[in-house]
């Protein structure tokens, strides 16, 4: 897997103490991005997903895993492997993406790696960063257009459900069958 970096004990990338993996490579190239060094898909460094999992599993203080970027869904297979290991350890999984939940749900119908990573996530912080929508008052996100999505609830009801409020967003989604409910 190509990574931009790892933080073994973050308290700012989701709730609690988190193991954070920054995927390398991003085509969104959002103006004002706080990780522009992660855009180049040939940058960063190579690290086997198994080594990342082993590093994560050694940390007994973790509450969760956060996968950020760059764009994690460009390496959905490897990121999914890490997310699945985190879930088996009992950690919650947050994924930051420049794609919307709706875009990913549609792509998951034809891409098993995207489907697997999406299904392994508890929370998806979605949408591109838009500098004009920036707000320092937002929790867990940088711009007002981004959402904190409860993935299991969203997959179950077929539309994006905000994690913090639990209120559905008015966008019907294509149905994908969740492995969790199968």
N, C-alpha and C. Protein backbone atom coordinates (compact mmCIF):
# COMPACT_ATOMS: atom_id res chain seq x y z
N UNK A 1 0.85 -1.18 0.00
CA UNK A 1 0.00 0.00 0.00
C UNK A 1 0.89 1.23 0.00
N UNK A 2 0.46 2.26 -0.70
CA UNK A 2 1.21 3.52 -0.72
C UNK A 2 0.57 4.45 0.30
N UNK A 3 1.40 4.92 1.26
CA UNK A 3 0.90 5.77 2.33
C UNK A 3 1.65 7.10 2.38
N UNK A 4 0.96 8.12 2.89
CA UNK A 4 1.57 9.43 3.12
C UNK A 4 2.11 9.48 4.55
N UNK A 5 1.57 8.64 5.43
CA UNK A 5 2.03 8.62 6.81
C UNK A 5 1.08 7.86 7.72
N UNK A 6 1.52 7.69 8.95
CA UNK A 6 0.74 7.02 9.99
C UNK A 6 0.92 7.81 11.28
N UNK A 7 -0.17 7.98 12.00
CA UNK A 7 -0.11 8.53 13.37
C UNK A 7 -0.66 7.43 14.27
N UNK A 8 0.11 7.02 15.26
CA UNK A 8 -0.29 5.88 16.08
C UNK A 8 -1.22 6.23 17.24
N UNK A 9 -1.35 7.51 17.56
CA UNK A 9 -2.20 7.87 18.71
C UNK A 9 -2.76 9.29 18.57
N UNK A 10 -3.62 9.49 17.60
CA UNK A 10 -4.23 10.79 17.34
C UNK A 10 -5.48 10.98 18.21
N UNK A 11 -5.72 12.22 18.60
CA UNK A 11 -6.97 12.54 19.31
C UNK A 11 -7.78 13.58 18.53
N UNK A 12 -7.40 13.86 17.28
CA UNK A 12 -8.10 14.87 16.49
C UNK A 12 -8.75 14.33 15.22
N UNK A 13 -8.61 13.06 14.92
CA UNK A 13 -9.12 12.49 13.67
C UNK A 13 -10.31 11.57 13.91
N UNK A 14 -11.16 11.95 14.85
CA UNK A 14 -12.30 11.15 15.25
C UNK A 14 -12.29 11.04 16.76
N UNK A 15 -13.31 10.42 17.34
CA UNK A 15 -13.41 10.35 18.80
C UNK A 15 -12.42 9.37 19.43
N UNK A 16 -11.91 9.73 20.59
CA UNK A 16 -11.01 8.86 21.33
C UNK A 16 -9.61 8.84 20.76
N UNK A 17 -8.85 7.84 21.18
CA UNK A 17 -7.48 7.65 20.71
C UNK A 17 -7.55 6.80 19.44
N UNK A 18 -6.93 7.31 18.36
CA UNK A 18 -7.09 6.68 17.07
C UNK A 18 -5.76 6.38 16.40
N UNK A 19 -5.74 5.30 15.68
CA UNK A 19 -4.65 4.94 14.78
C UNK A 19 -5.06 5.51 13.43
N UNK A 20 -4.22 6.37 12.85
CA UNK A 20 -4.59 7.05 11.60
C UNK A 20 -3.63 6.65 10.48
N UNK A 21 -4.20 6.21 9.38
CA UNK A 21 -3.46 5.89 8.18
C UNK A 21 -3.83 6.92 7.12
N UNK A 22 -2.82 7.60 6.58
CA UNK A 22 -3.02 8.57 5.50
C UNK A 22 -2.64 7.91 4.19
N UNK A 23 -3.64 7.61 3.37
CA UNK A 23 -3.40 7.00 2.06
C UNK A 23 -2.74 8.03 1.14
N UNK A 24 -1.86 7.56 0.28
CA UNK A 24 -1.18 8.43 -0.69
C UNK A 24 -1.92 8.39 -2.01
N UNK A 25 -2.09 9.55 -2.62
CA UNK A 25 -2.75 9.66 -3.92
C UNK A 25 -4.14 10.23 -3.79
N UNK A 26 -4.40 11.31 -4.53
CA UNK A 26 -5.73 11.91 -4.51
C UNK A 26 -5.93 12.74 -5.78
N UNK A 27 -7.02 12.46 -6.46
CA UNK A 27 -7.35 13.21 -7.66
C UNK A 27 -8.26 14.40 -7.41
N UNK A 28 -8.78 14.53 -6.19
CA UNK A 28 -9.69 15.64 -5.89
C UNK A 28 -8.95 16.98 -5.89
N UNK A 29 -7.76 16.99 -5.33
CA UNK A 29 -6.91 18.19 -5.29
C UNK A 29 -7.67 19.44 -4.86
N UNK A 30 -8.33 19.34 -3.72
CA UNK A 30 -9.14 20.44 -3.19
C UNK A 30 -8.26 21.64 -2.83
N UNK A 31 -8.65 22.82 -3.29
CA UNK A 31 -7.94 24.05 -2.93
C UNK A 31 -8.03 24.23 -1.42
N UNK A 32 -6.90 24.44 -0.77
CA UNK A 32 -6.87 24.60 0.68
C UNK A 32 -6.74 23.29 1.44
N UNK A 33 -6.55 22.19 0.76
CA UNK A 33 -6.37 20.88 1.40
C UNK A 33 -5.26 20.95 2.44
N UNK A 34 -5.47 20.30 3.59
CA UNK A 34 -4.41 20.31 4.60
C UNK A 34 -3.39 19.19 4.41
N UNK A 35 -3.56 18.35 3.40
CA UNK A 35 -2.60 17.30 3.09
C UNK A 35 -2.22 17.28 1.61
N UNK A 36 -1.82 18.42 1.03
CA UNK A 36 -1.51 18.41 -0.42
C UNK A 36 -0.33 17.50 -0.77
N UNK A 37 0.53 17.21 0.18
CA UNK A 37 1.65 16.30 -0.08
C UNK A 37 1.17 14.88 -0.36
N UNK A 38 -0.09 14.60 -0.07
CA UNK A 38 -0.64 13.26 -0.30
C UNK A 38 -1.26 13.10 -1.68
N UNK A 39 -1.28 14.13 -2.51
CA UNK A 39 -1.94 14.06 -3.81
C UNK A 39 -1.23 13.16 -4.81
N UNK A 40 0.09 13.22 -4.86
CA UNK A 40 0.86 12.49 -5.87
C UNK A 40 0.76 10.98 -5.61
N UNK A 41 0.19 10.25 -6.55
CA UNK A 41 0.02 8.80 -6.36
C UNK A 41 1.34 8.04 -6.36
N UNK A 42 2.43 8.69 -6.79
CA UNK A 42 3.75 8.07 -6.76
C UNK A 42 4.56 8.53 -5.55
N UNK A 43 4.02 9.45 -4.75
CA UNK A 43 4.73 9.98 -3.58
C UNK A 43 4.60 9.06 -2.38
N UNK A 44 4.94 9.59 -1.23
CA UNK A 44 4.84 8.81 0.00
C UNK A 44 5.78 7.64 0.01
N UNK A 45 5.36 6.57 0.66
CA UNK A 45 6.18 5.36 0.75
C UNK A 45 5.29 4.13 0.69
N UNK A 46 5.91 3.03 0.33
CA UNK A 46 5.21 1.74 0.27
C UNK A 46 5.30 1.07 1.63
N UNK A 47 4.20 0.46 2.05
CA UNK A 47 4.19 -0.32 3.29
C UNK A 47 3.11 -1.39 3.14
N UNK A 48 3.45 -2.64 3.37
CA UNK A 48 2.43 -3.70 3.25
C UNK A 48 1.29 -3.48 4.24
N UNK A 49 0.07 -3.71 3.79
CA UNK A 49 -1.10 -3.56 4.66
C UNK A 49 -0.96 -4.44 5.90
N UNK A 50 -0.37 -5.63 5.75
CA UNK A 50 -0.18 -6.52 6.90
C UNK A 50 0.71 -5.88 7.96
N UNK A 51 1.73 -5.13 7.55
CA UNK A 51 2.60 -4.43 8.51
C UNK A 51 1.84 -3.32 9.23
N UNK A 52 0.97 -2.63 8.49
CA UNK A 52 0.16 -1.58 9.11
C UNK A 52 -0.80 -2.19 10.13
N UNK A 53 -1.42 -3.30 9.78
CA UNK A 53 -2.32 -3.99 10.70
C UNK A 53 -1.56 -4.43 11.95
N UNK A 54 -0.39 -5.01 11.79
CA UNK A 54 0.40 -5.47 12.94
C UNK A 54 0.74 -4.30 13.87
N UNK A 55 1.12 -3.17 13.28
CA UNK A 55 1.44 -1.98 14.07
C UNK A 55 0.20 -1.52 14.85
N UNK A 56 -0.95 -1.51 14.19
CA UNK A 56 -2.19 -1.10 14.83
C UNK A 56 -2.57 -2.05 15.97
N UNK A 57 -2.44 -3.33 15.74
CA UNK A 57 -2.85 -4.32 16.74
C UNK A 57 -1.98 -4.31 17.99
N UNK A 58 -0.76 -3.80 17.87
CA UNK A 58 0.13 -3.70 19.05
C UNK A 58 -0.28 -2.60 20.02
N UNK A 59 -1.10 -1.67 19.58
CA UNK A 59 -1.49 -0.54 20.41
C UNK A 59 -2.79 -0.86 21.16
N UNK A 60 -2.69 -1.18 22.43
CA UNK A 60 -3.85 -1.59 23.23
C UNK A 60 -4.68 -0.40 23.72
N UNK A 61 -4.25 0.82 23.47
CA UNK A 61 -4.96 2.00 23.97
C UNK A 61 -5.95 2.58 22.97
N UNK A 62 -6.04 2.00 21.81
CA UNK A 62 -6.85 2.58 20.73
C UNK A 62 -8.35 2.40 20.94
N UNK A 63 -9.09 3.44 20.54
CA UNK A 63 -10.55 3.37 20.46
C UNK A 63 -11.00 3.13 19.03
N UNK A 64 -10.16 3.55 18.07
CA UNK A 64 -10.59 3.41 16.69
C UNK A 64 -9.49 3.61 15.68
N UNK A 65 -9.85 3.37 14.44
CA UNK A 65 -9.00 3.55 13.28
C UNK A 65 -9.62 4.65 12.42
N UNK A 66 -8.78 5.55 11.94
CA UNK A 66 -9.20 6.53 10.96
C UNK A 66 -8.34 6.36 9.72
N UNK A 67 -9.00 6.27 8.57
CA UNK A 67 -8.28 6.21 7.30
C UNK A 67 -8.60 7.51 6.57
N UNK A 68 -7.56 8.25 6.26
CA UNK A 68 -7.70 9.55 5.64
C UNK A 68 -6.80 9.59 4.41
N UNK A 69 -6.46 10.76 3.97
CA UNK A 69 -5.64 10.79 2.79
C UNK A 69 -4.97 12.11 2.55
N UNK A 70 -4.76 12.12 1.30
CA UNK A 70 -5.11 11.47 0.07
C UNK A 70 -6.55 10.97 0.04
N UNK A 71 -6.77 10.02 -0.85
CA UNK A 71 -8.10 9.45 -1.05
C UNK A 71 -8.07 7.95 -0.79
N UNK A 72 -8.61 7.49 0.37
CA UNK A 72 -8.58 6.07 0.71
C UNK A 72 -9.26 5.16 -0.31
N UNK A 73 -10.30 5.65 -0.99
CA UNK A 73 -11.03 4.78 -1.90
C UNK A 73 -10.28 4.51 -3.20
N UNK A 74 -9.14 5.20 -3.42
CA UNK A 74 -8.28 4.85 -4.55
C UNK A 74 -7.46 3.60 -4.25
N UNK A 75 -7.36 3.24 -2.98
CA UNK A 75 -6.70 2.01 -2.54
C UNK A 75 -7.66 1.22 -1.65
N UNK A 76 -8.89 1.12 -2.12
CA UNK A 76 -9.96 0.54 -1.30
C UNK A 76 -9.66 -0.89 -0.83
N UNK A 77 -9.01 -1.69 -1.66
CA UNK A 77 -8.71 -3.08 -1.27
C UNK A 77 -7.80 -3.14 -0.06
N UNK A 78 -6.71 -2.39 -0.10
CA UNK A 78 -5.75 -2.40 1.01
C UNK A 78 -6.33 -1.70 2.25
N UNK A 79 -7.01 -0.58 2.03
CA UNK A 79 -7.64 0.12 3.16
C UNK A 79 -8.73 -0.74 3.79
N UNK A 80 -9.46 -1.48 2.97
CA UNK A 80 -10.49 -2.38 3.48
C UNK A 80 -9.91 -3.48 4.34
N UNK A 81 -8.75 -3.98 3.97
CA UNK A 81 -8.09 -5.02 4.75
C UNK A 81 -7.73 -4.49 6.14
N UNK A 82 -7.24 -3.26 6.21
CA UNK A 82 -6.89 -2.64 7.50
C UNK A 82 -8.16 -2.38 8.31
N UNK A 83 -9.19 -1.86 7.65
CA UNK A 83 -10.45 -1.57 8.34
C UNK A 83 -11.09 -2.84 8.89
N UNK A 84 -11.05 -3.90 8.13
CA UNK A 84 -11.61 -5.18 8.59
C UNK A 84 -10.87 -5.69 9.82
N UNK A 85 -9.55 -5.58 9.84
CA UNK A 85 -8.76 -6.00 11.01
C UNK A 85 -9.11 -5.15 12.23
N UNK A 86 -9.32 -3.86 12.01
CA UNK A 86 -9.70 -2.98 13.12
C UNK A 86 -11.05 -3.39 13.70
N UNK A 87 -11.99 -3.67 12.84
CA UNK A 87 -13.33 -4.08 13.31
C UNK A 87 -13.26 -5.40 14.08
N UNK A 88 -12.44 -6.34 13.60
CA UNK A 88 -12.28 -7.61 14.32
C UNK A 88 -11.67 -7.39 15.70
N UNK A 89 -10.87 -6.34 15.86
CA UNK A 89 -10.28 -6.00 17.16
C UNK A 89 -11.28 -5.24 18.04
N UNK A 90 -12.41 -4.86 17.50
CA UNK A 90 -13.42 -4.14 18.26
C UNK A 90 -13.29 -2.62 18.19
N UNK A 91 -12.49 -2.14 17.23
CA UNK A 91 -12.31 -0.70 17.06
C UNK A 91 -13.37 -0.14 16.11
N UNK A 92 -13.75 1.11 16.34
CA UNK A 92 -14.64 1.76 15.37
C UNK A 92 -13.78 2.30 14.24
N UNK A 93 -14.38 2.43 13.07
CA UNK A 93 -13.64 2.81 11.86
C UNK A 93 -14.28 4.05 11.23
N UNK A 94 -13.45 5.08 11.07
CA UNK A 94 -13.84 6.30 10.37
C UNK A 94 -13.02 6.40 9.10
N UNK A 95 -13.67 6.81 8.01
CA UNK A 95 -12.97 7.00 6.74
C UNK A 95 -13.30 8.40 6.22
N UNK A 96 -12.26 9.16 5.88
CA UNK A 96 -12.42 10.48 5.26
C UNK A 96 -12.25 10.33 3.76
N UNK A 97 -13.16 10.94 2.99
CA UNK A 97 -13.11 10.83 1.53
C UNK A 97 -13.61 12.11 0.87
N UNK A 98 -13.09 12.38 -0.30
CA UNK A 98 -13.57 13.49 -1.11
C UNK A 98 -14.78 13.11 -1.94
N UNK A 99 -15.09 11.82 -2.02
CA UNK A 99 -16.30 11.36 -2.70
C UNK A 99 -17.49 11.53 -1.75
N UNK A 100 -18.69 11.57 -2.30
CA UNK A 100 -19.88 11.57 -1.46
C UNK A 100 -20.30 10.13 -1.20
N UNK A 101 -21.07 9.95 -0.16
CA UNK A 101 -21.61 8.63 0.14
C UNK A 101 -22.39 8.09 -1.05
N UNK A 102 -23.16 8.96 -1.69
CA UNK A 102 -23.96 8.55 -2.85
C UNK A 102 -23.08 8.03 -3.98
N UNK A 103 -21.99 8.71 -4.26
CA UNK A 103 -21.06 8.26 -5.31
C UNK A 103 -20.47 6.90 -4.96
N UNK A 104 -20.07 6.73 -3.72
CA UNK A 104 -19.46 5.46 -3.31
C UNK A 104 -20.47 4.33 -3.31
N UNK A 105 -21.70 4.60 -2.87
CA UNK A 105 -22.73 3.56 -2.88
C UNK A 105 -23.02 3.09 -4.30
N UNK A 106 -23.03 4.02 -5.25
CA UNK A 106 -23.25 3.64 -6.65
C UNK A 106 -22.08 2.82 -7.18
N UNK A 107 -20.85 3.23 -6.88
CA UNK A 107 -19.66 2.51 -7.35
C UNK A 107 -19.53 1.14 -6.68
N UNK A 108 -20.01 1.04 -5.44
CA UNK A 108 -19.91 -0.23 -4.71
C UNK A 108 -20.71 -1.34 -5.36
N UNK A 109 -21.69 -0.99 -6.16
CA UNK A 109 -22.47 -2.01 -6.87
C UNK A 109 -21.62 -2.81 -7.84
N UNK A 110 -20.51 -2.21 -8.32
CA UNK A 110 -19.69 -2.84 -9.35
C UNK A 110 -18.24 -3.03 -8.92
N UNK A 111 -17.90 -2.63 -7.70
CA UNK A 111 -16.52 -2.71 -7.23
C UNK A 111 -16.51 -3.29 -5.82
N UNK A 112 -16.10 -4.55 -5.72
CA UNK A 112 -16.11 -5.24 -4.42
C UNK A 112 -15.19 -4.60 -3.39
N UNK A 113 -14.06 -4.02 -3.83
CA UNK A 113 -13.15 -3.38 -2.88
C UNK A 113 -13.79 -2.14 -2.26
N UNK A 114 -14.45 -1.33 -3.08
CA UNK A 114 -15.14 -0.15 -2.55
C UNK A 114 -16.27 -0.59 -1.63
N UNK A 115 -17.00 -1.60 -2.04
CA UNK A 115 -18.10 -2.13 -1.23
C UNK A 115 -17.58 -2.60 0.13
N UNK A 116 -16.48 -3.34 0.13
CA UNK A 116 -15.92 -3.87 1.37
C UNK A 116 -15.46 -2.75 2.31
N UNK A 117 -14.75 -1.75 1.77
CA UNK A 117 -14.29 -0.65 2.61
C UNK A 117 -15.48 0.14 3.15
N UNK A 118 -16.46 0.40 2.32
CA UNK A 118 -17.64 1.12 2.76
C UNK A 118 -18.37 0.35 3.87
N UNK A 119 -18.52 -0.93 3.69
CA UNK A 119 -19.20 -1.75 4.70
C UNK A 119 -18.41 -1.91 5.99
N UNK A 120 -17.09 -1.74 5.92
CA UNK A 120 -16.26 -1.83 7.13
C UNK A 120 -16.23 -0.54 7.92
N UNK A 121 -16.74 0.54 7.33
CA UNK A 121 -16.71 1.85 8.00
C UNK A 121 -17.94 2.03 8.89
N UNK A 122 -17.71 2.59 10.06
CA UNK A 122 -18.82 3.01 10.92
C UNK A 122 -19.26 4.42 10.55
N UNK A 123 -18.27 5.26 10.23
CA UNK A 123 -18.53 6.66 9.91
C UNK A 123 -17.73 7.02 8.66
N UNK A 124 -18.38 7.78 7.79
CA UNK A 124 -17.74 8.31 6.59
C UNK A 124 -17.87 9.83 6.64
N UNK A 125 -16.73 10.51 6.64
CA UNK A 125 -16.74 11.96 6.50
C UNK A 125 -16.55 12.19 5.02
N UNK A 126 -17.62 12.67 4.36
CA UNK A 126 -17.63 12.68 2.90
C UNK A 126 -17.66 14.06 2.29
N UNK A 127 -17.29 14.10 1.02
CA UNK A 127 -17.34 15.32 0.23
C UNK A 127 -16.01 16.03 0.16
N UNK A 128 -15.81 16.76 -0.93
CA UNK A 128 -14.55 17.49 -1.08
C UNK A 128 -14.50 18.67 -0.10
N UNK A 129 -13.29 19.05 0.26
CA UNK A 129 -13.12 20.26 1.06
C UNK A 129 -13.33 21.46 0.14
N UNK A 130 -14.19 22.37 0.56
CA UNK A 130 -14.45 23.59 -0.20
C UNK A 130 -14.07 24.77 0.69
N UNK A 131 -13.02 25.46 0.30
CA UNK A 131 -12.48 26.54 1.13
C UNK A 131 -13.53 27.61 1.43
N UNK A 132 -14.40 27.92 0.50
CA UNK A 132 -15.43 28.92 0.72
C UNK A 132 -16.46 28.49 1.77
N UNK A 133 -16.52 27.19 2.04
CA UNK A 133 -17.44 26.63 3.03
C UNK A 133 -16.74 26.32 4.36
N UNK A 134 -15.50 26.74 4.48
CA UNK A 134 -14.70 26.45 5.68
C UNK A 134 -15.36 27.02 6.93
N UNK A 135 -15.30 26.23 8.01
CA UNK A 135 -15.80 26.69 9.30
C UNK A 135 -15.01 26.00 10.41
N UNK A 136 -14.51 26.79 11.33
CA UNK A 136 -13.78 26.22 12.47
C UNK A 136 -14.72 25.67 13.53
N UNK A 137 -16.02 25.92 13.40
CA UNK A 137 -16.98 25.45 14.39
C UNK A 137 -17.47 24.03 14.11
N UNK A 138 -17.10 23.46 12.98
CA UNK A 138 -17.55 22.12 12.61
C UNK A 138 -16.74 21.06 13.32
N UNK A 139 -17.40 20.04 13.79
CA UNK A 139 -16.70 18.93 14.44
C UNK A 139 -16.38 17.86 13.40
N UNK A 140 -15.12 17.45 13.35
CA UNK A 140 -14.62 16.35 12.53
C UNK A 140 -14.54 16.66 11.04
N UNK A 141 -14.83 17.86 10.60
CA UNK A 141 -14.78 18.18 9.17
C UNK A 141 -14.35 19.62 8.98
N UNK A 142 -13.97 19.96 7.77
CA UNK A 142 -13.42 21.27 7.52
C UNK A 142 -14.34 22.26 6.83
N UNK A 143 -15.31 21.75 6.04
CA UNK A 143 -16.20 22.66 5.33
C UNK A 143 -17.65 22.20 5.46
N UNK A 144 -18.57 23.16 5.38
CA UNK A 144 -20.00 22.90 5.64
C UNK A 144 -20.62 21.88 4.71
N UNK A 145 -20.10 21.72 3.51
CA UNK A 145 -20.65 20.75 2.58
C UNK A 145 -20.35 19.30 2.98
N UNK A 146 -19.33 19.11 3.80
CA UNK A 146 -18.95 17.76 4.19
C UNK A 146 -19.92 17.24 5.26
N UNK A 147 -20.14 15.94 5.23
CA UNK A 147 -21.07 15.32 6.18
C UNK A 147 -20.36 14.26 6.99
N UNK A 148 -20.85 14.02 8.19
CA UNK A 148 -20.41 12.94 9.04
C UNK A 148 -21.53 11.90 8.98
N UNK A 149 -21.31 10.85 8.17
CA UNK A 149 -22.36 9.90 7.80
C UNK A 149 -22.25 8.62 8.61
N UNK A 150 -23.35 8.18 9.17
CA UNK A 150 -23.45 6.88 9.86
C UNK A 150 -23.63 5.83 8.76
N UNK A 151 -22.57 5.11 8.46
CA UNK A 151 -22.59 4.19 7.32
C UNK A 151 -23.54 3.02 7.50
N UNK A 152 -23.52 2.29 8.62
CA UNK A 152 -24.46 1.16 8.73
C UNK A 152 -25.92 1.59 8.59
N UNK A 153 -26.31 2.70 9.22
CA UNK A 153 -27.69 3.18 9.10
C UNK A 153 -27.99 3.61 7.68
N UNK A 154 -27.03 4.24 7.03
CA UNK A 154 -27.22 4.69 5.66
C UNK A 154 -27.39 3.52 4.70
N UNK A 155 -26.58 2.50 4.86
CA UNK A 155 -26.71 1.31 4.00
C UNK A 155 -28.04 0.61 4.24
N UNK A 156 -28.48 0.58 5.50
CA UNK A 156 -29.73 -0.10 5.83
C UNK A 156 -30.96 0.61 5.27
N UNK A 157 -30.95 1.95 5.26
CA UNK A 157 -32.16 2.66 4.82
C UNK A 157 -32.06 3.20 3.40
N UNK A 158 -30.90 3.10 2.76
CA UNK A 158 -30.78 3.51 1.36
C UNK A 158 -30.60 4.99 1.13
N UNK A 159 -30.23 5.74 2.17
CA UNK A 159 -29.94 7.17 2.01
C UNK A 159 -28.98 7.58 3.12
N UNK A 160 -28.25 8.64 2.87
CA UNK A 160 -27.26 9.11 3.85
C UNK A 160 -27.94 9.56 5.13
N UNK A 161 -27.44 9.07 6.25
CA UNK A 161 -27.94 9.44 7.57
C UNK A 161 -26.80 10.10 8.31
N UNK A 162 -27.01 11.33 8.76
CA UNK A 162 -25.97 12.05 9.50
C UNK A 162 -25.67 11.31 10.80
N UNK A 163 -24.40 11.16 11.11
CA UNK A 163 -23.97 10.46 12.31
C UNK A 163 -24.33 11.21 13.58
N UNK A 164 -24.06 12.49 13.64
CA UNK A 164 -24.25 13.24 14.87
C UNK A 164 -25.73 13.45 15.22
N UNK A 165 -26.55 13.76 14.23
CA UNK A 165 -27.95 14.07 14.50
C UNK A 165 -28.87 12.88 14.30
N UNK A 166 -28.44 11.92 13.49
CA UNK A 166 -29.30 10.79 13.18
C UNK A 166 -30.41 11.14 12.20
N UNK A 167 -30.42 12.37 11.68
CA UNK A 167 -31.47 12.78 10.76
C UNK A 167 -31.09 12.41 9.33
N UNK A 168 -32.01 11.79 8.59
CA UNK A 168 -31.69 11.42 7.21
C UNK A 168 -31.50 12.65 6.32
N UNK A 169 -30.64 12.51 5.36
CA UNK A 169 -30.45 13.52 4.33
C UNK A 169 -31.38 13.14 3.18
N UNK A 170 -31.95 14.11 2.49
CA UNK A 170 -32.95 13.84 1.47
C UNK A 170 -32.37 13.43 0.13
N UNK A 171 -31.51 12.44 0.10
CA UNK A 171 -30.95 11.95 -1.15
C UNK A 171 -31.13 10.44 -1.20
N UNK A 172 -32.09 9.92 -1.97
CA UNK A 172 -32.22 8.47 -2.08
C UNK A 172 -30.97 7.89 -2.74
N UNK A 173 -30.56 6.75 -2.26
CA UNK A 173 -29.35 6.12 -2.76
C UNK A 173 -29.66 4.82 -3.48
N UNK A 174 -28.79 4.45 -4.41
CA UNK A 174 -28.93 3.12 -5.01
C UNK A 174 -28.75 2.08 -3.91
N UNK A 175 -29.52 1.02 -3.96
CA UNK A 175 -29.43 -0.02 -2.94
C UNK A 175 -28.23 -0.93 -3.20
N UNK A 176 -27.46 -1.18 -2.16
CA UNK A 176 -26.43 -2.22 -2.22
C UNK A 176 -26.67 -3.11 -1.02
N UNK A 177 -26.48 -4.37 -1.21
CA UNK A 177 -26.71 -5.29 -0.12
C UNK A 177 -25.51 -5.26 0.81
N UNK A 178 -25.76 -5.09 2.08
CA UNK A 178 -24.71 -5.05 3.09
C UNK A 178 -24.34 -6.45 3.51
N UNK A 179 -23.05 -6.73 3.60
CA UNK A 179 -22.59 -8.03 4.08
C UNK A 179 -22.94 -8.21 5.55
N UNK A 180 -23.05 -7.09 6.27
CA UNK A 180 -23.38 -7.18 7.70
C UNK A 180 -24.78 -7.71 7.91
N UNK A 181 -25.69 -7.43 6.98
CA UNK A 181 -27.06 -7.88 7.15
C UNK A 181 -27.30 -9.23 6.48
N UNK A 182 -26.32 -9.70 5.72
CA UNK A 182 -26.48 -10.97 5.01
C UNK A 182 -26.19 -12.14 5.91
